[in-house]
Structures are given as structure tokens and as C-alpha cells.
């Protein structure tokens, strides 16, 4: 039997470093590589954020490390 539905392609996932909001009532988070600050604050509630990790779909970041760009750090190496 044939089906006209497209078969859903499985997206590969990887363990990804993220920043997660410390406020229990907020579910804000962002990928570490897309953070503009060394220690970001939550954009939704302005609470501090802490490092964590999640299984997320793989992304190709063609714009480089955002913190390094903002801070003018060559090659993304702060030291």
C-alpha cells in the first residue's frame, strides 16, 4: 500500500551547552554559542542564568562565536 505522506527525516541531536534561567517560574534558555555575554541574564525575566546542557538538534553556526564577535576576541579565544 502506498502513502502520500512524506516520511519524516530524523534530525540528529547532540548534547549542547546552554544557558538556563535560574528563576523556577521562567523557562528561558539559549544555546551557549549564541549568547552575546560571558554570563548572560535572561531576556524574559532578567534573572541570572546558569550553565547546563540539553540534547538538541544539531545546528551549523556559520556566524562564529557571538561573544567573541561582540567582545572583539580573535578566533573566539578569550585568553
PDB file of N, CA and C in Angstrom:
ATOM      1  N   UNK A   1       0.831  -1.167   0.000  1.00  0.00           N
ATOM      2  CA  UNK A   1       0.000   0.000   0.000  1.00  0.00           C
ATOM      3  C   UNK A   1       0.882   1.238   0.000  1.00  0.00           C
ATOM      4  N   UNK A   2       0.481   2.257  -0.719  1.00  0.00           N
ATOM      5  CA  UNK A   2       1.268   3.470  -0.853  1.00  0.00           C
ATOM      6  C   UNK A   2       0.677   4.587  -0.002  1.00  0.00           C
ATOM      7  N   UNK A   3       1.531   5.451   0.455  1.00  0.00           N
ATOM      8  CA  UNK A   3       1.111   6.589   1.259  1.00  0.00           C
ATOM      9  C   UNK A   3       1.684   7.861   0.643  1.00  0.00           C
ATOM     10  N   UNK A   4       0.897   8.887   0.580  1.00  0.00           N
ATOM     11  CA  UNK A   4       1.367  10.156   0.020  1.00  0.00           C
ATOM     12  C   UNK A   4       2.079  11.029   1.049  1.00  0.00           C
ATOM     13  N   UNK A   5       2.030  10.641   2.304  1.00  0.00           N
ATOM     14  CA  UNK A   5       2.701  11.409   3.346  1.00  0.00           C
ATOM     15  C   UNK A   5       4.210  11.304   3.164  1.00  0.00           C
ATOM     16  N   UNK A   6       4.874  12.433   3.359  1.00  0.00           N
ATOM     17  CA  UNK A   6       6.332  12.414   3.343  1.00  0.00           C
ATOM     18  C   UNK A   6       6.821  11.729   4.603  1.00  0.00           C
ATOM     19  N   UNK A   7       7.822  10.911   4.439  1.00  0.00           N
ATOM     20  CA  UNK A   7       8.406  10.295   5.616  1.00  0.00           C
ATOM     21  C   UNK A   7       9.234  11.346   6.342  1.00  0.00           C
ATOM     22  N   UNK A   8       9.042  11.417   7.640  1.00  0.00           N
ATOM     23  CA  UNK A   8       9.744  12.412   8.435  1.00  0.00           C
ATOM     24  C   UNK A   8      11.180  11.954   8.640  1.00  0.00           C
ATOM     25  N   UNK A   9      12.094  12.848   8.276  1.00  0.00           N
ATOM     26  CA  UNK A   9      13.508  12.566   8.431  1.00  0.00           C
ATOM     27  C   UNK A   9      13.902  12.827   9.882  1.00  0.00           C
ATOM     28  N   UNK A  10      14.620  11.907  10.481  1.00  0.00           N
ATOM     29  CA  UNK A  10      15.040  12.087  11.860  1.00  0.00           C
ATOM     30  C   UNK A  10      16.216  13.062  11.910  1.00  0.00           C
ATOM     31  N   UNK A  11      16.083  14.089  12.742  1.00  0.00           N
ATOM     32  CA  UNK A  11      17.117  15.121  12.871  1.00  0.00           C
ATOM     33  C   UNK A  11      18.137  14.651  13.911  1.00  0.00           C
ATOM     34  N   UNK A  12      19.426  14.640  13.553  1.00  0.00           N
ATOM     35  CA  UNK A  12      20.436  14.211  14.523  1.00  0.00           C
ATOM     36  C   UNK A  12      20.537  15.214  15.671  1.00  0.00           C
ATOM     37  N   UNK A  13      20.674  14.685  16.887  1.00  0.00           N
ATOM     38  CA  UNK A  13      20.786  15.520  18.078  1.00  0.00           C
ATOM     39  C   UNK A  13      22.144  15.322  18.719  1.00  0.00           C
ATOM     40  N   UNK A  14      22.565  16.338  19.478  1.00  0.00           N
ATOM     41  CA  UNK A  14      23.818  16.241  20.215  1.00  0.00           C
ATOM     42  C   UNK A  14      23.671  16.944  21.555  1.00  0.00           C
ATOM     43  N   UNK A  15      24.481  16.559  22.521  1.00  0.00           N
ATOM     44  CA  UNK A  15      24.481  17.215  23.819  1.00  0.00           C
ATOM     45  C   UNK A  15      25.066  18.611  23.622  1.00  0.00           C
ATOM     46  N   UNK A  16      24.282  19.643  23.933  1.00  0.00           N
ATOM     47  CA  UNK A  16      24.636  21.021  23.625  1.00  0.00           C
ATOM     48  C   UNK A  16      24.716  21.842  24.901  1.00  0.00           C
ATOM     49  N   UNK A  17      25.754  22.659  25.020  1.00  0.00           N
ATOM     50  CA  UNK A  17      25.894  23.558  26.163  1.00  0.00           C
ATOM     51  C   UNK A  17      24.891  24.698  26.017  1.00  0.00           C
ATOM     52  N   UNK A  18      24.172  24.988  27.107  1.00  0.00           N
ATOM     53  CA  UNK A  18      23.170  26.055  27.086  1.00  0.00           C
ATOM     54  C   UNK A  18      23.308  26.913  28.337  1.00  0.00           C
ATOM     55  N   UNK A  19      22.655  28.075  28.307  1.00  0.00           N
ATOM     56  CA  UNK A  19      22.432  28.906  29.488  1.00  0.00           C
ATOM     57  C   UNK A  19      20.971  28.767  29.825  1.00  0.00           C
ATOM     58  N   UNK A  20      20.655  28.475  31.098  1.00  0.00           N
ATOM     59  CA  UNK A  20      19.290  28.250  31.537  1.00  0.00           C
ATOM     60  C   UNK A  20      18.960  29.234  32.656  1.00  0.00           C
ATOM     61  N   UNK A  21      17.760  29.802  32.617  1.00  0.00           N
ATOM     62  CA  UNK A  21      17.314  30.761  33.623  1.00  0.00           C
ATOM     63  C   UNK A  21      17.249  30.105  34.995  1.00  0.00           C
ATOM     64  N   UNK A  22      17.678  30.836  36.023  1.00  0.00           N
ATOM     65  CA  UNK A  22      17.654  30.305  37.386  1.00  0.00           C
ATOM     66  C   UNK A  22      16.305  30.508  38.070  1.00  0.00           C
ATOM     67  N   UNK A  23      15.433  31.313  37.479  1.00  0.00           N
ATOM     68  CA  UNK A  23      14.104  31.555  38.033  1.00  0.00           C
ATOM     69  C   UNK A  23      13.228  30.332  37.753  1.00  0.00           C
ATOM     70  N   UNK A  24      12.687  29.713  38.799  1.00  0.00           N
ATOM     71  CA  UNK A  24      11.881  28.494  38.646  1.00  0.00           C
ATOM     72  C   UNK A  24      10.601  28.718  37.842  1.00  0.00           C
ATOM     73  N   UNK A  25      10.103  29.943  37.834  1.00  0.00           N
ATOM     74  CA  UNK A  25       8.866  30.238  37.118  1.00  0.00           C
ATOM     75  C   UNK A  25       9.099  30.586  35.645  1.00  0.00           C
ATOM     76  N   UNK A  26      10.347  30.705  35.235  1.00  0.00           N
ATOM     77  CA  UNK A  26      10.689  31.062  33.851  1.00  0.00           C
ATOM     78  C   UNK A  26      11.292  29.843  33.154  1.00  0.00           C
ATOM     79  N   UNK A  27      10.983  29.663  31.885  1.00  0.00           N
ATOM     80  CA  UNK A  27      11.566  28.542  31.151  1.00  0.00           C
ATOM     81  C   UNK A  27      12.560  29.015  30.093  1.00  0.00           C
ATOM     82  N   UNK A  28      13.132  30.197  30.290  1.00  0.00           N
ATOM     83  CA  UNK A  28      14.079  30.765  29.328  1.00  0.00           C
ATOM     84  C   UNK A  28      15.401  30.004  29.279  1.00  0.00           C
ATOM     85  N   UNK A  29      15.936  29.856  28.065  1.00  0.00           N
ATOM     86  CA  UNK A  29      17.240  29.242  27.865  1.00  0.00           C
ATOM     87  C   UNK A  29      17.763  29.652  26.492  1.00  0.00           C
ATOM     88  N   UNK A  30      19.066  29.525  26.281  1.00  0.00           N
ATOM     89  CA  UNK A  30      19.672  29.799  24.975  1.00  0.00           C
ATOM     90  C   UNK A  30      20.914  28.942  24.806  1.00  0.00           C
ATOM     91  N   UNK A  31      21.225  28.647  23.563  1.00  0.00           N
ATOM     92  CA  UNK A  31      22.462  27.904  23.286  1.00  0.00           C
ATOM     93  C   UNK A  31      23.650  28.776  23.671  1.00  0.00           C
ATOM     94  N   UNK A  32      24.658  28.172  24.263  1.00  0.00           N
ATOM     95  CA  UNK A  32      25.827  28.917  24.721  1.00  0.00           C
ATOM     96  C   UNK A  32      26.516  29.636  23.557  1.00  0.00           C
ATOM     97  N   UNK A  33      26.572  29.001  22.409  1.00  0.00           N
ATOM     98  CA  UNK A  33      27.270  29.608  21.274  1.00  0.00           C
ATOM     99  C   UNK A  33      26.550  30.822  20.691  1.00  0.00           C
ATOM    100  N   UNK A  34      25.284  31.039  21.079  1.00  0.00           N
ATOM    101  CA  UNK A  34      24.543  32.199  20.600  1.00  0.00           C
ATOM    102  C   UNK A  34      24.377  33.274  21.668  1.00  0.00           C
ATOM    103  N   UNK A  35      25.033  33.117  22.819  1.00  0.00           N
ATOM    104  CA  UNK A  35      24.972  34.123  23.879  1.00  0.00           C
ATOM    105  C   UNK A  35      25.936  35.262  23.533  1.00  0.00           C
ATOM    106  N   UNK A  36      25.513  36.495  23.792  1.00  0.00           N
ATOM    107  CA  UNK A  36      26.339  37.659  23.497  1.00  0.00           C
ATOM    108  C   UNK A  36      27.225  38.064  24.668  1.00  0.00           C
ATOM    109  N   UNK A  37      26.979  37.528  25.851  1.00  0.00           N
ATOM    110  CA  UNK A  37      27.723  37.913  27.041  1.00  0.00           C
ATOM    111  C   UNK A  37      28.389  36.689  27.665  1.00  0.00           C
ATOM    112  N   UNK A  38      29.446  36.927  28.428  1.00  0.00           N
ATOM    113  CA  UNK A  38      30.147  35.830  29.092  1.00  0.00           C
ATOM    114  C   UNK A  38      29.240  35.153  30.115  1.00  0.00           C
ATOM    115  N   UNK A  39      28.433  35.928  30.846  1.00  0.00           N
ATOM    116  CA  UNK A  39      27.436  35.410  31.776  1.00  0.00           C
ATOM    117  C   UNK A  39      26.129  36.153  31.527  1.00  0.00           C
ATOM    118  N   UNK A  40      25.298  35.635  30.626  1.00  0.00           N
ATOM    119  CA  UNK A  40      24.080  36.355  30.241  1.00  0.00           C
ATOM    120  C   UNK A  40      23.005  36.367  31.318  1.00  0.00           C
ATOM    121  N   UNK A  41      22.112  37.347  31.198  1.00  0.00           N
ATOM    122  CA  UNK A  41      20.907  37.381  32.025  1.00  0.00           C
ATOM    123  C   UNK A  41      19.744  36.983  31.125  1.00  0.00           C
ATOM    124  N   UNK A  42      18.695  36.469  31.743  1.00  0.00           N
ATOM    125  CA  UNK A  42      17.531  36.001  30.996  1.00  0.00           C
ATOM    126  C   UNK A  42      16.844  37.166  30.293  1.00  0.00           C
ATOM    127  N   UNK A  43      16.564  37.007  29.024  1.00  0.00           N
ATOM    128  CA  UNK A  43      15.886  38.058  28.240  1.00  0.00           C
ATOM    129  C   UNK A  43      14.403  38.145  28.579  1.00  0.00           C
ATOM    130  N   UNK A  44      13.865  37.121  29.203  1.00  0.00           N
ATOM    131  CA  UNK A  44      12.433  37.110  29.505  1.00  0.00           C
ATOM    132  C   UNK A  44      12.125  37.699  30.876  1.00  0.00           C
ATOM    133  N   UNK A  45      12.991  37.430  31.864  1.00  0.00           N
ATOM    134  CA  UNK A  45      12.672  37.887  33.228  1.00  0.00           C
ATOM    135  C   UNK A  45      13.831  38.622  33.900  1.00  0.00           C
ATOM    136  N   UNK A  46      14.968  38.756  33.221  1.00  0.00           N
ATOM    137  CA  UNK A  46      16.156  39.471  33.716  1.00  0.00           C
ATOM    138  C   UNK A  46      16.838  38.790  34.905  1.00  0.00           C
ATOM    139  N   UNK A  47      16.565  37.519  35.150  1.00  0.00           N
ATOM    140  CA  UNK A  47      17.239  36.760  36.212  1.00  0.00           C
ATOM    141  C   UNK A  47      18.590  36.269  35.704  1.00  0.00           C
ATOM    142  N   UNK A  48      19.504  35.938  36.628  1.00  0.00           N
ATOM    143  CA  UNK A  48      20.781  35.354  36.198  1.00  0.00           C
ATOM    144  C   UNK A  48      20.551  34.000  35.525  1.00  0.00           C
ATOM    145  N   UNK A  49      21.517  33.589  34.731  1.00  0.00           N
ATOM    146  CA  UNK A  49      21.427  32.292  34.056  1.00  0.00           C
ATOM    147  C   UNK A  49      22.590  31.426  34.503  1.00  0.00           C
ATOM    148  N   UNK A  50      22.404  30.101  34.439  1.00  0.00           N
ATOM    149  CA  UNK A  50      23.468  29.161  34.790  1.00  0.00           C
ATOM    150  C   UNK A  50      23.702  28.207  33.635  1.00  0.00           C
ATOM    151  N   UNK A  51      24.921  27.687  33.564  1.00  0.00           N
ATOM    152  CA  UNK A  51      25.265  26.736  32.505  1.00  0.00           C
ATOM    153  C   UNK A  51      24.572  25.406  32.757  1.00  0.00           C
ATOM    154  N   UNK A  52      24.186  24.773  31.647  1.00  0.00           N
ATOM    155  CA  UNK A  52      23.563  23.465  31.700  1.00  0.00           C
ATOM    156  C   UNK A  52      23.772  22.822  30.337  1.00  0.00           C
ATOM    157  N   UNK A  53      23.173  21.680  30.096  1.00  0.00           N
ATOM    158  CA  UNK A  53      23.262  21.045  28.776  1.00  0.00           C
ATOM    159  C   UNK A  53      21.949  20.357  28.457  1.00  0.00           C
ATOM    160  N   UNK A  54      21.661  20.230  27.158  1.00  0.00           N
ATOM    161  CA  UNK A  54      20.439  19.580  26.674  1.00  0.00           C
ATOM    162  C   UNK A  54      20.752  18.841  25.384  1.00  0.00           C
ATOM    163  N   UNK A  55      19.934  17.822  25.129  1.00  0.00           N
ATOM    164  CA  UNK A  55      20.001  17.163  23.832  1.00  0.00           C
ATOM    165  C   UNK A  55      19.172  18.003  22.868  1.00  0.00           C
ATOM    166  N   UNK A  56      19.844  18.606  21.889  1.00  0.00           N
ATOM    167  CA  UNK A  56      19.186  19.490  20.933  1.00  0.00           C
ATOM    168  C   UNK A  56      19.569  19.102  19.513  1.00  0.00           C
ATOM    169  N   UNK A  57      18.732  19.461  18.544  1.00  0.00           N
ATOM    170  CA  UNK A  57      19.097  19.215  17.148  1.00  0.00           C
ATOM    171  C   UNK A  57      20.396  19.945  16.802  1.00  0.00           C
ATOM    172  N   UNK A  58      21.206  19.304  15.987  1.00  0.00           N
ATOM    173  CA  UNK A  58      22.476  19.899  15.580  1.00  0.00           C
ATOM    174  C   UNK A  58      22.211  21.101  14.687  1.00  0.00           C
ATOM    175  N   UNK A  59      22.961  22.178  14.927  1.00  0.00           N
ATOM    176  CA  UNK A  59      22.908  23.379  14.091  1.00  0.00           C
ATOM    177  C   UNK A  59      24.306  23.692  13.601  1.00  0.00           C
ATOM    178  N   UNK A  60      24.374  24.291  12.427  1.00  0.00           N
ATOM    179  CA  UNK A  60      25.652  24.756  11.908  1.00  0.00           C
ATOM    180  C   UNK A  60      25.668  26.261  12.089  1.00  0.00           C
ATOM    181  N   UNK A  61      26.540  26.750  12.958  1.00  0.00           N
ATOM    182  CA  UNK A  61      26.649  28.173  13.238  1.00  0.00           C
ATOM    183  C   UNK A  61      27.691  28.774  12.309  1.00  0.00           C
ATOM    184  N   UNK A  62      27.241  29.399  11.235  1.00  0.00           N
ATOM    185  CA  UNK A  62      28.169  29.965  10.259  1.00  0.00           C
ATOM    186  C   UNK A  62      28.641  31.358  10.634  1.00  0.00           C
ATOM    187  N   UNK A  63      28.060  31.948  11.684  1.00  0.00           N
ATOM    188  CA  UNK A  63      28.447  33.302  12.070  1.00  0.00           C
ATOM    189  C   UNK A  63      29.502  33.319  13.169  1.00  0.00           C
ATOM    190  N   UNK A  64      29.963  32.183  13.622  1.00  0.00           N
ATOM    191  CA  UNK A  64      31.015  32.124  14.631  1.00  0.00           C
ATOM    192  C   UNK A  64      30.485  32.323  16.032  1.00  0.00           C
ATOM    193  N   UNK A  65      31.396  32.461  16.986  1.00  0.00           N
ATOM    194  CA  UNK A  65      31.052  32.634  18.392  1.00  0.00           C
ATOM    195  C   UNK A  65      30.570  34.061  18.612  1.00  0.00           C
ATOM    196  N   UNK A  66      29.322  34.245  19.024  1.00  0.00           N
ATOM    197  CA  UNK A  66      28.725  35.571  19.172  1.00  0.00           C
ATOM    198  C   UNK A  66      29.407  36.398  20.255  1.00  0.00           C
ATOM    199  N   UNK A  67      29.816  35.771  21.363  1.00  0.00           N
ATOM    200  CA  UNK A  67      30.510  36.520  22.425  1.00  0.00           C
ATOM    201  C   UNK A  67      31.828  37.054  21.909  1.00  0.00           C
ATOM    202  N   UNK A  68      32.550  36.247  21.132  1.00  0.00           N
ATOM    203  CA  UNK A  68      33.839  36.675  20.606  1.00  0.00           C
ATOM    204  C   UNK A  68      33.663  37.838  19.637  1.00  0.00           C
ATOM    205  N   UNK A  69      32.599  37.803  18.849  1.00  0.00           N
ATOM    206  CA  UNK A  69      32.344  38.888  17.910  1.00  0.00           C
ATOM    207  C   UNK A  69      32.053  40.173  18.671  1.00  0.00           C
ATOM    208  N   UNK A  70      31.190  40.117  19.672  1.00  0.00           N
ATOM    209  CA  UNK A  70      30.819  41.302  20.437  1.00  0.00           C
ATOM    210  C   UNK A  70      32.005  41.852  21.210  1.00  0.00           C
ATOM    211  N   UNK A  71      32.831  40.985  21.783  1.00  0.00           N
ATOM    212  CA  UNK A  71      33.967  41.421  22.583  1.00  0.00           C
ATOM    213  C   UNK A  71      35.242  41.613  21.768  1.00  0.00           C
ATOM    214  N   UNK A  72      35.175  41.406  20.467  1.00  0.00           N
ATOM    215  CA  UNK A  72      36.324  41.536  19.546  1.00  0.00           C
ATOM    216  C   UNK A  72      37.470  40.613  19.942  1.00  0.00           C
ATOM    217  N   UNK A  73      37.161  39.361  20.237  1.00  0.00           N
ATOM    218  CA  UNK A  73      38.159  38.371  20.587  1.00  0.00           C
ATOM    219  C   UNK A  73      38.485  37.565  19.335  1.00  0.00           C
ATOM    220  N   UNK A  74      39.746  37.586  18.865  1.00  0.00           N
ATOM    221  CA  UNK A  74      40.089  36.826  17.658  1.00  0.00           C
ATOM    222  C   UNK A  74      39.952  35.328  17.878  1.00  0.00           C
ATOM    223  N   UNK A  75      39.386  34.617  16.913  1.00  0.00           N
ATOM    224  CA  UNK A  75      39.222  33.156  16.911  1.00  0.00           C
ATOM    225  C   UNK A  75      38.409  32.620  18.084  1.00  0.00           C
ATOM    226  N   UNK A  76      37.686  33.467  18.794  1.00  0.00           N
ATOM    227  CA  UNK A  76      36.844  33.005  19.880  1.00  0.00           C
ATOM    228  C   UNK A  76      37.587  32.567  21.124  1.00  0.00           C
ATOM    229  N   UNK A  77      38.914  32.880  21.210  1.00  0.00           N
ATOM    230  CA  UNK A  77      39.719  32.501  22.371  1.00  0.00           C
ATOM    231  C   UNK A  77      39.917  33.708  23.265  1.00  0.00           C
ATOM    232  N   UNK A  78      39.289  33.740  24.453  1.00  0.00           N
ATOM    233  CA  UNK A  78      39.385  34.900  25.319  1.00  0.00           C
ATOM    234  C   UNK A  78      40.755  35.092  25.967  1.00  0.00           C
ATOM    235  N   UNK A  79      41.567  34.078  26.007  1.00  0.00           N
ATOM    236  CA  UNK A  79      42.827  34.211  26.733  1.00  0.00           C
ATOM    237  C   UNK A  79      43.955  34.030  25.904  1.00  0.00           C
TER     238      UNK A  79
END
